[in-house]
């Protein structure tokens, strides 16, 4: 099933604006959430085709939100790509262990982001 609707979960207005701009120019429908709790709630109601999840956020962090989403029957089929400034190998391993299907380190490269999305099964 091709990706059409993407939920961007990031507490940074600048990062959200940049990511939404890249995705809408590429023809995707985009929704946003400012933190993990809002991301989980919107994922359950909007049922996006893909979630781009930041890690460092107030309240529920992106690892916790990803783990919640990938273990919930309502949202476990929605793939999550972690997009974060945390670039250590241990961070990536931990992100993938939470159920993420991919892991990108900020600053995001627009071409790489779009390639990863296009490669989604």
PDB file of N, CA and C in Angstrom:
ATOM      1  N   UNK A   1       0.850  -1.184   0.000  1.00  0.00           N
ATOM      2  CA  UNK A   1       0.000   0.000   0.000  1.00  0.00           C
ATOM      3  C   UNK A   1       0.891   1.242   0.000  1.00  0.00           C
ATOM      4  N   UNK A   2       0.761   2.085  -0.983  1.00  0.00           N
ATOM      5  CA  UNK A   2       1.637   3.267  -1.039  1.00  0.00           C
ATOM      6  C   UNK A   2       1.327   4.259   0.085  1.00  0.00           C
ATOM      7  N   UNK A   3       2.361   4.949   0.516  1.00  0.00           N
ATOM      8  CA  UNK A   3       2.216   5.944   1.577  1.00  0.00           C
ATOM      9  C   UNK A   3       1.585   7.206   0.989  1.00  0.00           C
ATOM     10  N   UNK A   4       0.476   7.630   1.581  1.00  0.00           N
ATOM     11  CA  UNK A   4      -0.185   8.864   1.139  1.00  0.00           C
ATOM     12  C   UNK A   4      -0.257   9.889   2.264  1.00  0.00           C
ATOM     13  N   UNK A   5      -0.565   9.411   3.479  1.00  0.00           N
ATOM     14  CA  UNK A   5      -0.772  10.293   4.626  1.00  0.00           C
ATOM     15  C   UNK A   5       0.307  10.023   5.676  1.00  0.00           C
ATOM     16  N   UNK A   6       1.037  11.069   6.065  1.00  0.00           N
ATOM     17  CA  UNK A   6       2.140  10.938   7.022  1.00  0.00           C
ATOM     18  C   UNK A   6       1.869  11.816   8.236  1.00  0.00           C
ATOM     19  N   UNK A   7       2.075  11.255   9.423  1.00  0.00           N
ATOM     20  CA  UNK A   7       1.981  12.007  10.676  1.00  0.00           C
ATOM     21  C   UNK A   7       3.393  12.351  11.138  1.00  0.00           C
ATOM     22  N   UNK A   8       3.671  13.647  11.301  1.00  0.00           N
ATOM     23  CA  UNK A   8       4.969  14.122  11.769  1.00  0.00           C
ATOM     24  C   UNK A   8       4.831  14.488  13.246  1.00  0.00           C
ATOM     25  N   UNK A   9       5.581  13.806  14.111  1.00  0.00           N
ATOM     26  CA  UNK A   9       5.547  14.066  15.551  1.00  0.00           C
ATOM     27  C   UNK A   9       6.875  14.686  15.955  1.00  0.00           C
ATOM     28  N   UNK A  10       6.859  15.980  16.282  1.00  0.00           N
ATOM     29  CA  UNK A  10       8.093  16.694  16.631  1.00  0.00           C
ATOM     30  C   UNK A  10       7.716  17.927  17.448  1.00  0.00           C
ATOM     31  N   UNK A  11       8.447  18.178  18.528  1.00  0.00           N
ATOM     32  CA  UNK A  11       8.133  19.328  19.378  1.00  0.00           C
ATOM     33  C   UNK A  11       8.721  20.634  18.848  1.00  0.00           C
ATOM     34  N   UNK A  12       9.602  20.560  17.860  1.00  0.00           N
ATOM     35  CA  UNK A  12      10.229  21.766  17.307  1.00  0.00           C
ATOM     36  C   UNK A  12       9.393  22.331  16.158  1.00  0.00           C
ATOM     37  N   UNK A  13       8.868  23.561  16.300  1.00  0.00           N
ATOM     38  CA  UNK A  13       8.103  24.164  15.203  1.00  0.00           C
ATOM     39  C   UNK A  13       8.930  24.264  13.921  1.00  0.00           C
ATOM     40  N   UNK A  14      10.217  24.546  14.048  1.00  0.00           N
ATOM     41  CA  UNK A  14      11.089  24.665  12.875  1.00  0.00           C
ATOM     42  C   UNK A  14      11.206  23.334  12.151  1.00  0.00           C
ATOM     43  N   UNK A  15      11.460  22.264  12.898  1.00  0.00           N
ATOM     44  CA  UNK A  15      11.575  20.929  12.297  1.00  0.00           C
ATOM     45  C   UNK A  15      10.255  20.496  11.671  1.00  0.00           C
ATOM     46  N   UNK A  16       9.143  20.757  12.367  1.00  0.00           N
ATOM     47  CA  UNK A  16       7.824  20.400  11.808  1.00  0.00           C
ATOM     48  C   UNK A  16       7.594  21.130  10.495  1.00  0.00           C
ATOM     49  N   UNK A  17       7.870  22.439  10.464  1.00  0.00           N
ATOM     50  CA  UNK A  17       7.648  23.236   9.258  1.00  0.00           C
ATOM     51  C   UNK A  17       8.491  22.694   8.106  1.00  0.00           C
ATOM     52  N   UNK A  18       9.772  22.438   8.372  1.00  0.00           N
ATOM     53  CA  UNK A  18      10.685  21.929   7.341  1.00  0.00           C
ATOM     54  C   UNK A  18      10.191  20.586   6.797  1.00  0.00           C
ATOM     55  N   UNK A  19       9.866  19.665   7.699  1.00  0.00           N
ATOM     56  CA  UNK A  19       9.457  18.325   7.288  1.00  0.00           C
ATOM     57  C   UNK A  19       8.133  18.365   6.531  1.00  0.00           C
ATOM     58  N   UNK A  20       7.179  19.135   7.039  1.00  0.00           N
ATOM     59  CA  UNK A  20       5.883  19.262   6.361  1.00  0.00           C
ATOM     60  C   UNK A  20       6.071  19.859   4.968  1.00  0.00           C
ATOM     61  N   UNK A  21       6.939  20.856   4.843  1.00  0.00           N
ATOM     62  CA  UNK A  21       7.194  21.495   3.555  1.00  0.00           C
ATOM     63  C   UNK A  21       7.754  20.476   2.550  1.00  0.00           C
ATOM     64  N   UNK A  22       8.750  19.707   2.967  1.00  0.00           N
ATOM     65  CA  UNK A  22       9.352  18.694   2.094  1.00  0.00           C
ATOM     66  C   UNK A  22       8.302  17.669   1.657  1.00  0.00           C
ATOM     67  N   UNK A  23       7.500  17.213   2.606  1.00  0.00           N
ATOM     68  CA  UNK A  23       6.527  16.156   2.309  1.00  0.00           C
ATOM     69  C   UNK A  23       5.370  16.645   1.447  1.00  0.00           C
ATOM     70  N   UNK A  24       4.862  17.852   1.724  1.00  0.00           N
ATOM     71  CA  UNK A  24       3.737  18.362   0.924  1.00  0.00           C
ATOM     72  C   UNK A  24       4.181  18.672  -0.501  1.00  0.00           C
ATOM     73  N   UNK A  25       5.397  19.170  -0.661  1.00  0.00           N
ATOM     74  CA  UNK A  25       5.921  19.418  -2.016  1.00  0.00           C
ATOM     75  C   UNK A  25       6.039  18.116  -2.803  1.00  0.00           C
ATOM     76  N   UNK A  26       6.250  17.011  -2.081  1.00  0.00           N
ATOM     77  CA  UNK A  26       6.371  15.708  -2.724  1.00  0.00           C
ATOM     78  C   UNK A  26       5.001  15.055  -2.944  1.00  0.00           C
ATOM     79  N   UNK A  27       3.936  15.731  -2.510  1.00  0.00           N
ATOM     80  CA  UNK A  27       2.590  15.239  -2.777  1.00  0.00           C
ATOM     81  C   UNK A  27       1.934  14.444  -1.666  1.00  0.00           C
ATOM     82  N   UNK A  28       2.552  14.421  -0.485  1.00  0.00           N
ATOM     83  CA  UNK A  28       1.957  13.678   0.630  1.00  0.00           C
ATOM     84  C   UNK A  28       0.974  14.548   1.400  1.00  0.00           C
ATOM     85  N   UNK A  29      -0.047  13.907   1.978  1.00  0.00           N
ATOM     86  CA  UNK A  29      -0.932  14.579   2.931  1.00  0.00           C
ATOM     87  C   UNK A  29      -0.236  14.467   4.287  1.00  0.00           C
ATOM     88  N   UNK A  30      -0.133  15.582   5.014  1.00  0.00           N
ATOM     89  CA  UNK A  30       0.639  15.580   6.252  1.00  0.00           C
ATOM     90  C   UNK A  30      -0.184  16.122   7.412  1.00  0.00           C
ATOM     91  N   UNK A  31      -0.113  15.431   8.546  1.00  0.00           N
ATOM     92  CA  UNK A  31      -0.676  15.896   9.808  1.00  0.00           C
ATOM     93  C   UNK A  31       0.485  16.021  10.782  1.00  0.00           C
ATOM     94  N   UNK A  32       0.301  16.816  11.830  1.00  0.00           N
ATOM     95  CA  UNK A  32       1.389  17.011  12.794  1.00  0.00           C
ATOM     96  C   UNK A  32       0.902  16.828  14.226  1.00  0.00           C
ATOM     97  N   UNK A  33       1.856  16.518  15.090  1.00  0.00           N
ATOM     98  CA  UNK A  33       1.638  16.454  16.533  1.00  0.00           C
ATOM     99  C   UNK A  33       2.884  17.022  17.194  1.00  0.00           C
ATOM    100  N   UNK A  34       2.698  17.677  18.345  1.00  0.00           N
ATOM    101  CA  UNK A  34       3.801  18.376  19.007  1.00  0.00           C
ATOM    102  C   UNK A  34       4.485  17.572  20.097  1.00  0.00           C
ATOM    103  N   UNK A  35       3.942  16.390  20.443  1.00  0.00           N
ATOM    104  CA  UNK A  35       4.572  15.569  21.482  1.00  0.00           C
ATOM    105  C   UNK A  35       4.093  14.125  21.346  1.00  0.00           C
ATOM    106  N   UNK A  36       4.684  13.258  22.138  1.00  0.00           N
ATOM    107  CA  UNK A  36       4.360  11.836  22.053  1.00  0.00           C
ATOM    108  C   UNK A  36       2.912  11.516  22.334  1.00  0.00           C
ATOM    109  N   UNK A  37       2.342  12.132  23.363  1.00  0.00           N
ATOM    110  CA  UNK A  37       0.950  11.859  23.722  1.00  0.00           C
ATOM    111  C   UNK A  37       0.014  12.249  22.574  1.00  0.00           C
ATOM    112  N   UNK A  38       0.229  13.448  22.022  1.00  0.00           N
ATOM    113  CA  UNK A  38      -0.604  13.911  20.916  1.00  0.00           C
ATOM    114  C   UNK A  38      -0.389  13.018  19.686  1.00  0.00           C
ATOM    115  N   UNK A  39       0.843  12.578  19.476  1.00  0.00           N
ATOM    116  CA  UNK A  39       1.143  11.697  18.353  1.00  0.00           C
ATOM    117  C   UNK A  39       0.383  10.386  18.440  1.00  0.00           C
ATOM    118  N   UNK A  40       0.333   9.794  19.625  1.00  0.00           N
ATOM    119  CA  UNK A  40      -0.400   8.542  19.816  1.00  0.00           C
ATOM    120  C   UNK A  40      -1.884   8.760  19.565  1.00  0.00           C
ATOM    121  N   UNK A  41      -2.437   9.829  20.133  1.00  0.00           N
ATOM    122  CA  UNK A  41      -3.867  10.119  19.964  1.00  0.00           C
ATOM    123  C   UNK A  41      -4.213  10.326  18.489  1.00  0.00           C
ATOM    124  N   UNK A  42      -3.383  11.109  17.777  1.00  0.00           N
ATOM    125  CA  UNK A  42      -3.662  11.362  16.359  1.00  0.00           C
ATOM    126  C   UNK A  42      -3.467  10.108  15.515  1.00  0.00           C
ATOM    127  N   UNK A  43      -2.498   9.281  15.868  1.00  0.00           N
ATOM    128  CA  UNK A  43      -2.295   8.035  15.124  1.00  0.00           C
ATOM    129  C   UNK A  43      -3.536   7.154  15.221  1.00  0.00           C
ATOM    130  N   UNK A  44      -4.155   7.126  16.401  1.00  0.00           N
ATOM    131  CA  UNK A  44      -5.343   6.282  16.598  1.00  0.00           C
ATOM    132  C   UNK A  44      -6.544   6.819  15.828  1.00  0.00           C
ATOM    133  N   UNK A  45      -6.685   8.140  15.752  1.00  0.00           N
ATOM    134  CA  UNK A  45      -7.858   8.700  15.079  1.00  0.00           C
ATOM    135  C   UNK A  45      -7.648   8.869  13.577  1.00  0.00           C
ATOM    136  N   UNK A  46      -6.445   9.288  13.160  1.00  0.00           N
ATOM    137  CA  UNK A  46      -6.204   9.578  11.746  1.00  0.00           C
ATOM    138  C   UNK A  46      -5.770   8.353  10.944  1.00  0.00           C
ATOM    139  N   UNK A  47      -5.188   7.359  11.614  1.00  0.00           N
ATOM    140  CA  UNK A  47      -4.663   6.161  10.953  1.00  0.00           C
ATOM    141  C   UNK A  47      -3.785   6.511   9.744  1.00  0.00           C
ATOM    142  N   UNK A  48      -2.695   7.249   9.974  1.00  0.00           N
ATOM    143  CA  UNK A  48      -1.805   7.603   8.850  1.00  0.00           C
ATOM    144  C   UNK A  48      -1.124   6.359   8.290  1.00  0.00           C
ATOM    145  N   UNK A  49      -0.540   6.501   7.100  1.00  0.00           N
ATOM    146  CA  UNK A  49       0.178   5.387   6.475  1.00  0.00           C
ATOM    147  C   UNK A  49       1.589   5.250   7.028  1.00  0.00           C
ATOM    148  N   UNK A  50       2.095   6.325   7.656  1.00  0.00           N
ATOM    149  CA  UNK A  50       3.465   6.355   8.165  1.00  0.00           C
ATOM    150  C   UNK A  50       3.564   7.428   9.240  1.00  0.00           C
ATOM    151  N   UNK A  51       4.419   7.187  10.237  1.00  0.00           N
ATOM    152  CA  UNK A  51       4.679   8.180  11.282  1.00  0.00           C
ATOM    153  C   UNK A  51       6.169   8.487  11.295  1.00  0.00           C
ATOM    154  N   UNK A  52       6.508   9.792  11.272  1.00  0.00           N
ATOM    155  CA  UNK A  52       7.888  10.239  11.470  1.00  0.00           C
ATOM    156  C   UNK A  52       7.974  10.745  12.900  1.00  0.00           C
ATOM    157  N   UNK A  53       8.798  10.107  13.721  1.00  0.00           N
ATOM    158  CA  UNK A  53       8.808  10.346  15.165  1.00  0.00           C
ATOM    159  C   UNK A  53      10.133  10.926  15.645  1.00  0.00           C
ATOM    160  N   UNK A  54      10.066  12.118  16.249  1.00  0.00           N
ATOM    161  CA  UNK A  54      11.222  12.688  16.934  1.00  0.00           C
ATOM    162  C   UNK A  54      11.421  11.910  18.230  1.00  0.00           C
ATOM    163  N   UNK A  55      12.591  12.008  18.840  1.00  0.00           N
ATOM    164  CA  UNK A  55      12.835  11.318  20.105  1.00  0.00           C
ATOM    165  C   UNK A  55      12.794  12.272  21.285  1.00  0.00           C
ATOM    166  N   UNK A  56      13.568  13.351  21.225  1.00  0.00           N
ATOM    167  CA  UNK A  56      13.702  14.243  22.376  1.00  0.00           C
ATOM    168  C   UNK A  56      12.525  15.225  22.397  1.00  0.00           C
ATOM    169  N   UNK A  57      11.531  14.908  23.246  1.00  0.00           N
ATOM    170  CA  UNK A  57      10.342  15.744  23.391  1.00  0.00           C
ATOM    171  C   UNK A  57       9.935  15.750  24.861  1.00  0.00           C
ATOM    172  N   UNK A  58       9.270  16.823  25.299  1.00  0.00           N
ATOM    173  CA  UNK A  58       8.795  16.851  26.682  1.00  0.00           C
ATOM    174  C   UNK A  58       7.701  15.811  26.890  1.00  0.00           C
ATOM    175  N   UNK A  59       7.577  15.334  28.120  1.00  0.00           N
ATOM    176  CA  UNK A  59       6.564  14.318  28.403  1.00  0.00           C
ATOM    177  C   UNK A  59       7.017  12.982  27.863  1.00  0.00           C
ATOM    178  N   UNK A  60       6.140  12.319  27.135  1.00  0.00           N
ATOM    179  CA  UNK A  60       6.432  11.026  26.535  1.00  0.00           C
ATOM    180  C   UNK A  60       7.438  11.216  25.403  1.00  0.00           C
ATOM    181  N   UNK A  61       8.614  10.588  25.513  1.00  0.00           N
ATOM    182  CA  UNK A  61       9.597  10.777  24.439  1.00  0.00           C
ATOM    183  C   UNK A  61       9.271   9.869  23.248  1.00  0.00           C
ATOM    184  N   UNK A  62      10.005  10.059  22.162  1.00  0.00           N
ATOM    185  CA  UNK A  62       9.716   9.333  20.935  1.00  0.00           C
ATOM    186  C   UNK A  62       9.920   7.831  21.037  1.00  0.00           C
ATOM    187  N   UNK A  63      10.874   7.396  21.847  1.00  0.00           N
ATOM    188  CA  UNK A  63      11.062   5.963  22.041  1.00  0.00           C
ATOM    189  C   UNK A  63       9.829   5.369  22.725  1.00  0.00           C
ATOM    190  N   UNK A  64       9.360   6.056  23.781  1.00  0.00           N
ATOM    191  CA  UNK A  64       8.186   5.572  24.510  1.00  0.00           C
ATOM    192  C   UNK A  64       6.945   5.576  23.619  1.00  0.00           C
ATOM    193  N   UNK A  65       6.776   6.649  22.832  1.00  0.00           N
ATOM    194  CA  UNK A  65       5.616   6.745  21.946  1.00  0.00           C
ATOM    195  C   UNK A  65       5.673   5.667  20.865  1.00  0.00           C
ATOM    196  N   UNK A  66       6.853   5.434  20.312  1.00  0.00           N
ATOM    197  CA  UNK A  66       7.014   4.393  19.290  1.00  0.00           C
ATOM    198  C   UNK A  66       6.675   3.032  19.867  1.00  0.00           C
ATOM    199  N   UNK A  67       7.187   2.737  21.043  1.00  0.00           N
ATOM    200  CA  UNK A  67       6.901   1.458  21.703  1.00  0.00           C
ATOM    201  C   UNK A  67       5.395   1.298  21.922  1.00  0.00           C
ATOM    202  N   UNK A  68       4.733   2.356  22.382  1.00  0.00           N
ATOM    203  CA  UNK A  68       3.285   2.302  22.612  1.00  0.00           C
ATOM    204  C   UNK A  68       2.540   2.036  21.311  1.00  0.00           C
ATOM    205  N   UNK A  69       2.908   2.760  20.251  1.00  0.00           N
ATOM    206  CA  UNK A  69       2.219   2.619  18.960  1.00  0.00           C
ATOM    207  C   UNK A  69       2.417   1.242  18.341  1.00  0.00           C
ATOM    208  N   UNK A  70       3.640   0.725  18.408  1.00  0.00           N
ATOM    209  CA  UNK A  70       3.931  -0.541  17.740  1.00  0.00           C
ATOM    210  C   UNK A  70       3.428  -1.752  18.528  1.00  0.00           C
ATOM    211  N   UNK A  71       2.965  -1.532  19.752  1.00  0.00           N
ATOM    212  CA  UNK A  71       2.438  -2.640  20.550  1.00  0.00           C
ATOM    213  C   UNK A  71       0.929  -2.549  20.753  1.00  0.00           C
ATOM    214  N   UNK A  72       0.305  -1.505  20.212  1.00  0.00           N
ATOM    215  CA  UNK A  72      -1.138  -1.312  20.347  1.00  0.00           C
ATOM    216  C   UNK A  72      -1.828  -1.908  19.120  1.00  0.00           C
ATOM    217  N   UNK A  73      -2.865  -2.712  19.337  1.00  0.00           N
ATOM    218  CA  UNK A  73      -3.561  -3.361  18.222  1.00  0.00           C
ATOM    219  C   UNK A  73      -4.109  -2.361  17.210  1.00  0.00           C
ATOM    220  N   UNK A  74      -4.487  -1.156  17.684  1.00  0.00           N
ATOM    221  CA  UNK A  74      -5.058  -0.141  16.787  1.00  0.00           C
ATOM    222  C   UNK A  74      -4.012   0.490  15.871  1.00  0.00           C
ATOM    223  N   UNK A  75      -2.749   0.500  16.293  1.00  0.00           N
ATOM    224  CA  UNK A  75      -1.727   1.254  15.545  1.00  0.00           C
ATOM    225  C   UNK A  75      -0.499   0.433  15.159  1.00  0.00           C
ATOM    226  N   UNK A  76      -0.440  -0.842  15.529  1.00  0.00           N
ATOM    227  CA  UNK A  76       0.785  -1.615  15.302  1.00  0.00           C
ATOM    228  C   UNK A  76       1.118  -1.829  13.835  1.00  0.00           C
ATOM    229  N   UNK A  77       0.142  -1.647  12.945  1.00  0.00           N
ATOM    230  CA  UNK A  77       0.393  -1.817  11.514  1.00  0.00           C
ATOM    231  C   UNK A  77       0.955  -0.545  10.863  1.00  0.00           C
ATOM    232  N   UNK A  78       0.980   0.558  11.605  1.00  0.00           N
ATOM    233  CA  UNK A  78       1.487   1.823  11.056  1.00  0.00           C
ATOM    234  C   UNK A  78       2.999   1.863  11.259  1.00  0.00           C
ATOM    235  N   UNK A  79       3.794   1.908  10.180  1.00  0.00           N
ATOM    236  CA  UNK A  79       5.245   1.957  10.351  1.00  0.00           C
ATOM    237  C   UNK A  79       5.697   3.306  10.943  1.00  0.00           C
ATOM    238  N   UNK A  80       6.743   3.239  11.753  1.00  0.00           N
ATOM    239  CA  UNK A  80       7.315   4.428  12.385  1.00  0.00           C
ATOM    240  C   UNK A  80       8.766   4.559  11.948  1.00  0.00           C
ATOM    241  N   UNK A  81       9.121   5.745  11.444  1.00  0.00           N
ATOM    242  CA  UNK A  81      10.523   6.072  11.180  1.00  0.00           C
ATOM    243  C   UNK A  81      10.939   7.093  12.236  1.00  0.00           C
ATOM    244  N   UNK A  82      11.952   6.750  13.012  1.00  0.00           N
ATOM    245  CA  UNK A  82      12.477   7.675  14.011  1.00  0.00           C
ATOM    246  C   UNK A  82      13.356   8.700  13.296  1.00  0.00           C
ATOM    247  N   UNK A  83      13.098   9.988  13.554  1.00  0.00           N
ATOM    248  CA  UNK A  83      13.882  11.091  12.980  1.00  0.00           C
ATOM    249  C   UNK A  83      14.378  11.935  14.142  1.00  0.00           C
ATOM    250  N   UNK A  84      15.652  11.848  14.451  1.00  0.00           N
ATOM    251  CA  UNK A  84      16.159  12.472  15.671  1.00  0.00           C
ATOM    252  C   UNK A  84      17.589  12.965  15.512  1.00  0.00           C
ATOM    253  N   UNK A  85      17.997  13.830  16.422  1.00  0.00           N
ATOM    254  CA  UNK A  85      19.383  14.292  16.453  1.00  0.00           C
ATOM    255  C   UNK A  85      20.285  13.290  17.176  1.00  0.00           C
ATOM    256  N   UNK A  86      19.687  12.278  17.813  1.00  0.00           N
ATOM    257  CA  UNK A  86      20.460  11.269  18.539  1.00  0.00           C
ATOM    258  C   UNK A  86      21.062  10.285  17.537  1.00  0.00           C
ATOM    259  N   UNK A  87      22.357  10.465  17.241  1.00  0.00           N
ATOM    260  CA  UNK A  87      22.969   9.719  16.163  1.00  0.00           C
ATOM    261  C   UNK A  87      23.905   8.596  16.560  1.00  0.00           C
ATOM    262  N   UNK A  88      23.982   8.264  17.839  1.00  0.00           N
ATOM    263  CA  UNK A  88      24.859   7.170  18.266  1.00  0.00           C
ATOM    264  C   UNK A  88      24.285   5.824  17.829  1.00  0.00           C
ATOM    265  N   UNK A  89      25.150   4.873  17.594  1.00  0.00           N
ATOM    266  CA  UNK A  89      24.692   3.538  17.187  1.00  0.00           C
ATOM    267  C   UNK A  89      23.758   2.931  18.229  1.00  0.00           C
ATOM    268  N   UNK A  90      24.047   3.158  19.519  1.00  0.00           N
ATOM    269  CA  UNK A  90      23.184   2.625  20.573  1.00  0.00           C
ATOM    270  C   UNK A  90      21.790   3.250  20.518  1.00  0.00           C
ATOM    271  N   UNK A  91      21.713   4.547  20.128  1.00  0.00           N
ATOM    272  CA  UNK A  91      20.408   5.201  19.983  1.00  0.00           C
ATOM    273  C   UNK A  91      19.600   4.529  18.876  1.00  0.00           C
ATOM    274  N   UNK A  92      20.271   4.256  17.759  1.00  0.00           N
ATOM    275  CA  UNK A  92      19.603   3.627  16.626  1.00  0.00           C
ATOM    276  C   UNK A  92      19.114   2.231  16.998  1.00  0.00           C
ATOM    277  N   UNK A  93      19.966   1.458  17.647  1.00  0.00           N
ATOM    278  CA  UNK A  93      19.584   0.109  18.072  1.00  0.00           C
ATOM    279  C   UNK A  93      18.377   0.171  18.991  1.00  0.00           C
ATOM    280  N   UNK A  94      18.401   1.110  19.949  1.00  0.00           N
ATOM    281  CA  UNK A  94      17.293   1.236  20.893  1.00  0.00           C
ATOM    282  C   UNK A  94      16.010   1.642  20.160  1.00  0.00           C
ATOM    283  N   UNK A  95      16.115   2.553  19.198  1.00  0.00           N
ATOM    284  CA  UNK A  95      14.949   2.970  18.425  1.00  0.00           C
ATOM    285  C   UNK A  95      14.333   1.813  17.653  1.00  0.00           C
ATOM    286  N   UNK A  96      15.180   1.006  17.047  1.00  0.00           N
ATOM    287  CA  UNK A  96      14.687  -0.142  16.287  1.00  0.00           C
ATOM    288  C   UNK A  96      14.062  -1.184  17.222  1.00  0.00           C
ATOM    289  N   UNK A  97      14.618  -1.312  18.425  1.00  0.00           N
ATOM    290  CA  UNK A  97      14.052  -2.255  19.399  1.00  0.00           C
ATOM    291  C   UNK A  97      12.663  -1.823  19.871  1.00  0.00           C
ATOM    292  N   UNK A  98      12.361  -0.542  19.768  1.00  0.00           N
ATOM    293  CA  UNK A  98      11.039  -0.052  20.183  1.00  0.00           C
ATOM    294  C   UNK A  98       9.985  -0.326  19.111  1.00  0.00           C
ATOM    295  N   UNK A  99      10.445  -0.782  17.930  1.00  0.00           N
ATOM    296  CA  UNK A  99       9.515  -1.135  16.873  1.00  0.00           C
ATOM    297  C   UNK A  99       9.614  -0.276  15.633  1.00  0.00           C
ATOM    298  N   UNK A 100      10.534   0.688  15.605  1.00  0.00           N
ATOM    299  CA  UNK A 100      10.701   1.530  14.417  1.00  0.00           C
ATOM    300  C   UNK A 100      11.164   0.684  13.233  1.00  0.00           C
ATOM    301  N   UNK A 101      10.746   1.080  12.028  1.00  0.00           N
ATOM    302  CA  UNK A 101      11.160   0.356  10.820  1.00  0.00           C
ATOM    303  C   UNK A 101      12.401   0.989  10.192  1.00  0.00           C
ATOM    304  N   UNK A 102      12.718   2.227  10.599  1.00  0.00           N
ATOM    305  CA  UNK A 102      13.882   2.919  10.055  1.00  0.00           C
ATOM    306  C   UNK A 102      14.285   4.009  11.038  1.00  0.00           C
ATOM    307  N   UNK A 103      15.470   4.566  10.832  1.00  0.00           N
ATOM    308  CA  UNK A 103      16.028   5.549  11.776  1.00  0.00           C
ATOM    309  C   UNK A 103      16.840   6.557  10.981  1.00  0.00           C
ATOM    310  N   UNK A 104      16.451   7.822  11.029  1.00  0.00           N
ATOM    311  CA  UNK A 104      17.170   8.889  10.336  1.00  0.00           C
ATOM    312  C   UNK A 104      17.694   9.893  11.344  1.00  0.00           C
ATOM    313  N   UNK A 105      18.910  10.397  11.095  1.00  0.00           N
ATOM    314  CA  UNK A 105      19.525  11.367  12.000  1.00  0.00           C
ATOM    315  C   UNK A 105      19.377  12.772  11.411  1.00  0.00           C
ATOM    316  N   UNK A 106      18.934  13.709  12.263  1.00  0.00           N
ATOM    317  CA  UNK A 106      18.802  15.116  11.862  1.00  0.00           C
ATOM    318  C   UNK A 106      20.178  15.759  11.805  1.00  0.00           C
ATOM    319  N   UNK A 107      20.365  16.781  10.991  1.00  0.00           N
ATOM    320  CA  UNK A 107      19.360  17.374  10.117  1.00  0.00           C
ATOM    321  C   UNK A 107      19.005  16.425   8.977  1.00  0.00           C
ATOM    322  N   UNK A 108      17.697  16.350   8.702  1.00  0.00           N
ATOM    323  CA  UNK A 108      17.217  15.449   7.659  1.00  0.00           C
ATOM    324  C   UNK A 108      17.640  15.932   6.281  1.00  0.00           C
ATOM    325  N   UNK A 109      18.048  14.991   5.460  1.00  0.00           N
ATOM    326  CA  UNK A 109      18.333  15.272   4.062  1.00  0.00           C
ATOM    327  C   UNK A 109      17.028  15.007   3.306  1.00  0.00           C
ATOM    328  N   UNK A 110      16.437  16.031   2.662  1.00  0.00           N
ATOM    329  CA  UNK A 110      15.139  15.841   2.007  1.00  0.00           C
ATOM    330  C   UNK A 110      15.110  14.681   1.019  1.00  0.00           C
ATOM    331  N   UNK A 111      16.150  14.538   0.200  1.00  0.00           N
ATOM    332  CA  UNK A 111      16.179  13.463  -0.779  1.00  0.00           C
ATOM    333  C   UNK A 111      16.206  12.090  -0.109  1.00  0.00           C
ATOM    334  N   UNK A 112      17.032  11.973   0.944  1.00  0.00           N
ATOM    335  CA  UNK A 112      17.115  10.696   1.648  1.00  0.00           C
ATOM    336  C   UNK A 112      15.785  10.364   2.320  1.00  0.00           C
ATOM    337  N   UNK A 113      15.167  11.364   2.938  1.00  0.00           N
ATOM    338  CA  UNK A 113      13.866  11.146   3.580  1.00  0.00           C
ATOM    339  C   UNK A 113      12.852  10.619   2.567  1.00  0.00           C
ATOM    340  N   UNK A 114      12.754  11.294   1.422  1.00  0.00           N
ATOM    341  CA  UNK A 114      11.784  10.887   0.403  1.00  0.00           C
ATOM    342  C   UNK A 114      12.106   9.506  -0.176  1.00  0.00           C
ATOM    343  N   UNK A 115      13.391   9.190  -0.306  1.00  0.00           N
ATOM    344  CA  UNK A 115      13.793   7.851  -0.783  1.00  0.00           C
ATOM    345  C   UNK A 115      13.378   6.776   0.218  1.00  0.00           C
ATOM    346  N   UNK A 116      13.591   7.040   1.501  1.00  0.00           N
ATOM    347  CA  UNK A 116      13.231   6.057   2.525  1.00  0.00           C
ATOM    348  C   UNK A 116      11.719   5.823   2.544  1.00  0.00           C
ATOM    349  N   UNK A 117      10.960   6.916   2.383  1.00  0.00           N
ATOM    350  CA  UNK A 117       9.500   6.789   2.375  1.00  0.00           C
ATOM    351  C   UNK A 117       9.057   6.001   1.139  1.00  0.00           C
ATOM    352  N   UNK A 118       9.644   6.324  -0.002  1.00  0.00           N
ATOM    353  CA  UNK A 118       9.285   5.626  -1.242  1.00  0.00           C
ATOM    354  C   UNK A 118       9.621   4.143  -1.172  1.00  0.00           C
ATOM    355  N   UNK A 119      10.626   3.783  -0.380  1.00  0.00           N
ATOM    356  CA  UNK A 119      11.050   2.394  -0.267  1.00  0.00           C
ATOM    357  C   UNK A 119      10.211   1.588   0.728  1.00  0.00           C
ATOM    358  N   UNK A 120       9.262   2.256   1.382  1.00  0.00           N
ATOM    359  CA  UNK A 120       8.421   1.568   2.362  1.00  0.00           C
ATOM    360  C   UNK A 120       7.626   0.473   1.661  1.00  0.00           C
ATOM    361  N   UNK A 121       7.501  -0.696   2.298  1.00  0.00           N
ATOM    362  CA  UNK A 121       6.755  -1.809   1.676  1.00  0.00           C
ATOM    363  C   UNK A 121       5.276  -1.501   1.551  1.00  0.00           C
TER     364      UNK A 121
END
